[in-house]
N, C-alpha and C. Protein backbone atom coordinates (compact mmCIF):
# COMPACT_ATOMS: atom_id res chain seq x y z
N MET A 1 31.90 -8.05 -6.81
CA MET A 1 31.09 -6.88 -6.58
C MET A 1 31.85 -5.89 -5.71
N SER A 2 32.58 -6.36 -4.71
CA SER A 2 33.36 -5.46 -3.88
C SER A 2 34.48 -4.83 -4.68
N ASP A 3 34.94 -5.52 -5.75
CA ASP A 3 35.97 -4.96 -6.61
C ASP A 3 35.47 -3.70 -7.30
N PHE A 4 34.20 -3.71 -7.71
CA PHE A 4 33.62 -2.56 -8.39
C PHE A 4 33.52 -1.36 -7.45
N SER A 5 33.09 -1.59 -6.23
CA SER A 5 32.93 -0.48 -5.29
C SER A 5 34.27 0.07 -4.83
N SER A 6 35.32 -0.74 -4.87
CA SER A 6 36.63 -0.25 -4.43
C SER A 6 37.32 0.57 -5.50
N ARG A 7 36.86 0.54 -6.73
CA ARG A 7 37.47 1.31 -7.80
C ARG A 7 37.17 2.80 -7.69
N GLY A 8 36.16 3.16 -6.94
CA GLY A 8 35.77 4.56 -6.83
C GLY A 8 34.88 4.96 -7.99
N SER A 9 33.62 4.62 -7.90
CA SER A 9 32.70 4.93 -8.99
C SER A 9 32.45 6.42 -9.06
N LYS A 10 32.03 6.88 -10.22
CA LYS A 10 31.76 8.29 -10.45
C LYS A 10 30.31 8.65 -10.14
N LEU A 11 29.58 7.71 -9.56
CA LEU A 11 28.17 7.91 -9.23
C LEU A 11 28.04 8.68 -7.92
N ASP A 12 27.14 9.63 -7.90
CA ASP A 12 26.89 10.42 -6.70
C ASP A 12 26.48 9.49 -5.55
N PRO A 13 27.08 9.64 -4.36
CA PRO A 13 26.74 8.73 -3.25
C PRO A 13 25.26 8.76 -2.85
N GLU A 14 24.63 9.93 -2.92
CA GLU A 14 23.20 10.02 -2.58
C GLU A 14 22.36 9.25 -3.60
N LEU A 15 22.71 9.41 -4.88
CA LEU A 15 21.99 8.69 -5.93
C LEU A 15 22.21 7.20 -5.79
N LYS A 16 23.43 6.80 -5.47
CA LYS A 16 23.74 5.39 -5.30
C LYS A 16 22.93 4.79 -4.14
N ALA A 17 22.84 5.51 -3.03
CA ALA A 17 22.06 5.04 -1.89
C ALA A 17 20.58 4.94 -2.24
N LYS A 18 20.08 5.92 -3.00
CA LYS A 18 18.67 5.90 -3.41
C LYS A 18 18.39 4.71 -4.33
N LEU A 19 19.31 4.43 -5.25
CA LEU A 19 19.14 3.30 -6.16
C LEU A 19 19.19 1.97 -5.41
N ILE A 20 20.04 1.87 -4.42
CA ILE A 20 20.12 0.64 -3.62
C ILE A 20 18.83 0.44 -2.85
N ARG A 21 18.29 1.53 -2.24
CA ARG A 21 17.02 1.42 -1.52
C ARG A 21 15.89 1.01 -2.45
N GLU A 22 15.88 1.58 -3.65
CA GLU A 22 14.84 1.25 -4.62
C GLU A 22 14.96 -0.20 -5.09
N SER A 23 16.18 -0.69 -5.23
CA SER A 23 16.34 -2.08 -5.68
C SER A 23 15.93 -3.08 -4.59
N ARG A 24 16.04 -2.68 -3.34
CA ARG A 24 15.62 -3.56 -2.25
C ARG A 24 14.10 -3.57 -2.08
N ASN A 25 13.45 -2.47 -2.43
CA ASN A 25 12.01 -2.36 -2.25
C ASN A 25 11.43 -1.63 -3.47
N PRO A 26 11.31 -2.32 -4.62
CA PRO A 26 10.90 -1.64 -5.85
C PRO A 26 9.45 -1.16 -5.82
N PHE A 27 9.22 -0.02 -6.44
CA PHE A 27 7.89 0.57 -6.62
C PHE A 27 7.16 0.82 -5.30
N LEU A 28 7.89 1.21 -4.26
CA LEU A 28 7.27 1.43 -2.95
C LEU A 28 6.23 2.54 -3.02
N GLY A 29 6.58 3.66 -3.62
CA GLY A 29 5.64 4.77 -3.71
C GLY A 29 4.38 4.42 -4.49
N LEU A 30 4.57 3.74 -5.60
CA LEU A 30 3.42 3.36 -6.43
C LEU A 30 2.52 2.37 -5.69
N ARG A 31 3.13 1.41 -5.00
CA ARG A 31 2.33 0.45 -4.23
C ARG A 31 1.56 1.14 -3.12
N ARG A 32 2.20 2.06 -2.42
CA ARG A 32 1.52 2.76 -1.33
C ARG A 32 0.33 3.56 -1.85
N ILE A 33 0.49 4.22 -2.98
CA ILE A 33 -0.62 4.97 -3.58
C ILE A 33 -1.75 4.01 -3.94
N LEU A 34 -1.41 2.85 -4.50
CA LEU A 34 -2.41 1.86 -4.86
C LEU A 34 -3.16 1.36 -3.64
N TRP A 35 -2.43 1.04 -2.54
CA TRP A 35 -3.09 0.53 -1.33
C TRP A 35 -4.00 1.58 -0.72
N VAL A 36 -3.54 2.83 -0.66
CA VAL A 36 -4.36 3.90 -0.09
C VAL A 36 -5.61 4.12 -0.93
N THR A 37 -5.46 4.10 -2.25
CA THR A 37 -6.61 4.30 -3.13
C THR A 37 -7.63 3.18 -2.98
N LEU A 38 -7.16 1.95 -2.97
CA LEU A 38 -8.08 0.82 -2.84
C LEU A 38 -8.71 0.77 -1.44
N PHE A 39 -7.94 1.12 -0.42
CA PHE A 39 -8.49 1.19 0.94
C PHE A 39 -9.57 2.27 1.01
N GLY A 40 -9.31 3.42 0.41
CA GLY A 40 -10.30 4.50 0.40
C GLY A 40 -11.57 4.10 -0.31
N SER A 41 -11.43 3.38 -1.41
CA SER A 41 -12.60 2.91 -2.15
C SER A 41 -13.42 1.93 -1.31
N ALA A 42 -12.73 1.01 -0.64
CA ALA A 42 -13.45 0.06 0.23
C ALA A 42 -14.10 0.77 1.41
N PHE A 43 -13.44 1.80 1.94
CA PHE A 43 -14.00 2.55 3.05
C PHE A 43 -15.27 3.29 2.62
N ILE A 44 -15.21 3.93 1.46
CA ILE A 44 -16.39 4.65 0.96
C ILE A 44 -17.54 3.67 0.69
N GLY A 45 -17.23 2.51 0.09
CA GLY A 45 -18.26 1.50 -0.15
C GLY A 45 -18.89 1.01 1.14
N SER A 46 -18.05 0.78 2.15
CA SER A 46 -18.57 0.33 3.45
C SER A 46 -19.42 1.41 4.10
N LEU A 47 -18.99 2.65 3.98
CA LEU A 47 -19.75 3.77 4.56
C LEU A 47 -21.12 3.90 3.88
N ILE A 48 -21.15 3.76 2.57
CA ILE A 48 -22.42 3.84 1.84
C ILE A 48 -23.34 2.69 2.25
N MET A 49 -22.79 1.49 2.39
CA MET A 49 -23.61 0.36 2.83
C MET A 49 -24.13 0.56 4.24
N LEU A 50 -23.31 1.11 5.11
CA LEU A 50 -23.74 1.39 6.48
C LEU A 50 -24.86 2.43 6.49
N LEU A 51 -24.73 3.47 5.68
CA LEU A 51 -25.78 4.49 5.61
C LEU A 51 -27.08 3.92 5.04
N ARG A 52 -26.96 3.05 4.03
CA ARG A 52 -28.16 2.41 3.47
C ARG A 52 -28.83 1.52 4.51
N ALA A 53 -28.04 0.77 5.24
CA ALA A 53 -28.62 -0.12 6.26
C ALA A 53 -29.27 0.70 7.37
N SER A 54 -28.67 1.82 7.73
CA SER A 54 -29.25 2.64 8.80
C SER A 54 -30.52 3.35 8.35
N SER A 55 -30.69 3.52 7.02
CA SER A 55 -31.92 4.16 6.54
C SER A 55 -33.04 3.15 6.31
N GLY A 56 -32.75 1.88 6.52
CA GLY A 56 -33.80 0.86 6.42
C GLY A 56 -33.77 0.06 5.14
N GLN A 57 -32.87 0.36 4.23
CA GLN A 57 -32.77 -0.42 3.01
C GLN A 57 -32.09 -1.76 3.31
N ILE A 58 -32.38 -2.72 2.48
CA ILE A 58 -31.80 -4.05 2.65
C ILE A 58 -30.41 -4.07 2.02
N VAL A 59 -29.44 -4.49 2.81
CA VAL A 59 -28.06 -4.65 2.34
C VAL A 59 -27.72 -6.12 2.45
N ARG A 60 -27.35 -6.73 1.33
CA ARG A 60 -27.02 -8.15 1.35
C ARG A 60 -25.75 -8.38 2.15
N ILE A 61 -25.75 -9.44 2.93
CA ILE A 61 -24.61 -9.75 3.80
C ILE A 61 -23.37 -10.09 2.97
N GLU A 62 -23.56 -10.67 1.77
CA GLU A 62 -22.43 -10.99 0.91
C GLU A 62 -21.72 -9.72 0.45
N ASP A 63 -22.50 -8.71 0.09
CA ASP A 63 -21.92 -7.45 -0.35
C ASP A 63 -21.17 -6.74 0.79
N ALA A 64 -21.78 -6.75 1.95
CA ALA A 64 -21.12 -6.14 3.11
C ALA A 64 -19.84 -6.91 3.46
N GLY A 65 -19.88 -8.23 3.34
CA GLY A 65 -18.69 -9.03 3.61
C GLY A 65 -17.56 -8.74 2.66
N ILE A 66 -17.89 -8.53 1.39
CA ILE A 66 -16.87 -8.19 0.40
C ILE A 66 -16.24 -6.85 0.74
N GLN A 67 -17.07 -5.87 1.09
CA GLN A 67 -16.54 -4.54 1.42
C GLN A 67 -15.67 -4.58 2.67
N ILE A 68 -16.09 -5.28 3.68
CA ILE A 68 -15.31 -5.36 4.92
C ILE A 68 -14.02 -6.14 4.69
N SER A 69 -14.10 -7.20 3.88
CA SER A 69 -12.89 -7.97 3.56
C SER A 69 -11.90 -7.11 2.79
N ALA A 70 -12.38 -6.34 1.84
CA ALA A 70 -11.50 -5.45 1.07
C ALA A 70 -10.88 -4.40 1.98
N LEU A 71 -11.67 -3.88 2.91
CA LEU A 71 -11.16 -2.89 3.86
C LEU A 71 -10.04 -3.48 4.70
N LEU A 72 -10.23 -4.67 5.21
CA LEU A 72 -9.20 -5.33 6.02
C LEU A 72 -7.97 -5.71 5.18
N LEU A 73 -8.20 -6.22 3.98
CA LEU A 73 -7.11 -6.64 3.11
C LEU A 73 -6.21 -5.46 2.74
N PHE A 74 -6.80 -4.39 2.23
CA PHE A 74 -5.98 -3.26 1.77
C PHE A 74 -5.38 -2.48 2.93
N GLY A 75 -6.09 -2.44 4.06
CA GLY A 75 -5.49 -1.85 5.26
C GLY A 75 -4.28 -2.64 5.73
N GLY A 76 -4.41 -3.97 5.70
CA GLY A 76 -3.29 -4.83 6.08
C GLY A 76 -2.12 -4.72 5.12
N LEU A 77 -2.40 -4.67 3.82
CA LEU A 77 -1.32 -4.52 2.85
C LEU A 77 -0.59 -3.19 3.04
N PHE A 78 -1.35 -2.14 3.30
CA PHE A 78 -0.72 -0.84 3.53
C PHE A 78 0.13 -0.87 4.80
N PHE A 79 -0.37 -1.53 5.84
CA PHE A 79 0.37 -1.62 7.09
C PHE A 79 1.65 -2.43 6.93
N PHE A 80 1.58 -3.58 6.27
CA PHE A 80 2.75 -4.44 6.14
C PHE A 80 3.74 -3.94 5.10
N ASP A 81 3.33 -3.00 4.24
CA ASP A 81 4.22 -2.47 3.21
C ASP A 81 4.95 -1.21 3.68
N ARG A 82 4.82 -0.87 4.94
CA ARG A 82 5.45 0.34 5.42
C ARG A 82 6.97 0.15 5.48
N LYS A 83 7.67 1.27 5.59
CA LYS A 83 9.13 1.22 5.68
C LYS A 83 9.54 0.72 7.05
N LYS A 84 10.45 -0.19 7.05
CA LYS A 84 10.97 -0.72 8.32
C LYS A 84 12.20 0.11 8.69
N SER A 85 12.25 0.56 9.92
CA SER A 85 13.42 1.31 10.35
C SER A 85 14.55 0.34 10.66
N ASN A 86 15.77 0.77 10.37
CA ASN A 86 16.93 -0.13 10.54
C ASN A 86 17.29 -0.29 11.98
């Protein structure tokens, strides 16, 4: 592999660095969009359940548990999927 890099490739250095970053952490942008979207959905669901409970309607504890678990799960995935500084 070092033999290939010593030959002087015709690939732009910026593009090469971008491709190396992408190969180390594939689909980072797509995953982050997915985590934010799912976290937002869980947040809205939790907010609606909280508003229903505050208005006096019955909210099942199982449903609230699912929403809170999803909120924690997707928030954690988004947090742990962040870029690590070198």
